[in-house]
Amino acid sequence: MAERRVKVGSSVGLHARPANLFVTAAKEQGVKVQIGTADGERGPVDAASILSVMGLGVQSGEEVVLTSSDDEQGEAAVAALAELLEQDLDAS
């Protein structure tokens, strides 16, 4: 299983605009990706579901875990989404 831990860089966490950008990117990956909090308290949930992602209540600086299939496409998907999450997606 492809797995990546990353700290959320958006100043508002995974809410509203950052969550929408993340979910849109997750849908474009072509493989199923899941996201959950690193402490295991919330998730994992489908990264392509806006309601599920926002329901995690992830805050700025909180560490999350992205998982996908253990193949090149899964590895590429979690890498791309991890890179996205590290950015402040709420900045204009």
Protein backbone atom coordinates (compact mmCIF):
# COMPACT_ATOMS: atom_id res chain seq x y z
CA MET A 1 0.00 0.00 0.00
CA ALA A 2 1.30 3.43 -0.95
CA GLU A 3 1.31 5.70 2.10
CA ARG A 4 2.44 9.23 2.79
CA ARG A 5 2.26 11.34 5.97
CA VAL A 6 2.00 15.07 5.52
CA LYS A 7 1.25 18.18 7.58
CA VAL A 8 -1.61 20.30 6.25
CA GLY A 9 -0.25 23.68 5.18
CA SER A 10 -3.49 25.60 4.67
CA SER A 11 -4.08 28.23 7.32
CA VAL A 12 -7.70 27.11 7.69
CA GLY A 13 -6.99 23.37 7.51
CA LEU A 14 -9.07 21.20 5.18
CA HIS A 15 -12.16 23.38 5.04
CA ALA A 16 -14.02 25.15 2.22
CA ARG A 17 -11.67 26.13 -0.62
CA PRO A 18 -8.67 23.96 0.41
CA ALA A 19 -10.90 20.90 0.80
CA ASN A 20 -12.49 21.53 -2.59
CA LEU A 21 -9.11 21.85 -4.31
CA PHE A 22 -7.85 18.69 -2.60
CA VAL A 23 -10.96 16.64 -3.45
CA THR A 24 -10.90 17.82 -7.07
CA ALA A 25 -7.26 16.73 -7.36
CA ALA A 26 -8.06 13.39 -5.69
CA LYS A 27 -10.81 12.73 -8.25
CA GLU A 28 -8.33 13.35 -11.07
CA GLN A 29 -5.83 10.73 -9.86
CA GLY A 30 -7.49 7.73 -11.49
CA VAL A 31 -7.04 5.57 -8.38
CA LYS A 32 -8.81 5.46 -5.03
CA VAL A 33 -7.03 7.48 -2.36
CA GLN A 34 -7.97 7.60 1.30
CA ILE A 35 -7.14 10.23 3.91
CA GLY A 36 -7.21 10.04 7.69
CA THR A 37 -5.61 11.72 10.65
CA ALA A 38 -2.17 10.41 11.59
CA ASP A 39 -3.36 9.62 15.11
CA GLY A 40 -5.96 7.24 13.67
CA GLU A 41 -8.80 9.02 15.48
CA ARG A 42 -10.58 10.15 12.30
CA GLY A 43 -10.78 8.29 9.02
CA PRO A 44 -9.63 6.95 6.74
CA VAL A 45 -12.22 8.29 4.32
CA ASP A 46 -12.48 8.56 0.55
CA ALA A 47 -10.32 11.52 -0.53
CA ALA A 48 -12.69 12.15 -3.46
CA SER A 49 -15.65 12.89 -1.16
CA ILE A 50 -15.96 16.54 -0.10
CA LEU A 51 -18.32 15.72 2.77
CA SER A 52 -16.04 12.99 4.10
CA VAL A 53 -12.91 15.13 3.84
CA MET A 54 -14.53 18.15 5.52
CA GLY A 55 -16.02 15.82 8.14
CA LEU A 56 -12.51 14.91 9.29
CA GLY A 57 -12.15 18.43 10.70
CA VAL A 58 -8.44 18.59 9.88
CA GLN A 59 -6.76 21.74 11.22
CA SER A 60 -3.76 23.68 9.94
CA GLY A 61 -0.51 21.92 10.83
CA GLU A 62 -2.26 18.65 11.63
CA GLU A 63 -0.64 15.52 10.22
CA VAL A 64 -2.69 13.29 7.92
CA VAL A 65 -2.01 9.98 6.21
CA LEU A 66 -2.77 9.41 2.53
CA THR A 67 -3.05 5.83 1.28
CA SER A 68 -3.63 4.24 -2.10
CA SER A 69 -2.83 1.10 -4.08
CA ASP A 70 0.70 -0.28 -4.00
CA ASP A 71 1.60 0.40 -7.62
CA GLU A 72 3.09 3.25 -9.62
CA GLN A 73 -0.25 5.02 -10.03
CA GLY A 74 -1.00 4.79 -6.30
CA GLU A 75 2.48 6.05 -5.39
CA ALA A 76 2.15 8.94 -7.84
CA ALA A 77 -1.31 9.83 -6.52
CA VAL A 78 -0.29 10.03 -2.86
CA ALA A 79 2.86 11.97 -3.78
CA ALA A 80 0.90 14.54 -5.81
CA LEU A 81 -1.78 14.95 -3.16
CA ALA A 82 0.79 15.19 -0.36
CA GLU A 83 2.57 17.97 -2.23
CA LEU A 84 -0.74 19.78 -2.64
CA LEU A 85 -1.64 19.47 1.05
CA GLU A 86 1.69 20.95 2.15
CA GLN A 87 0.77 24.23 0.45
CA ASP A 88 -1.45 26.97 1.85
CA LEU A 89 -4.38 26.34 -0.49
CA ASP A 90 -6.31 29.23 0.99
CA ALA A 91 -3.72 31.80 -0.10
CA SER A 92 -4.70 33.87 -3.11
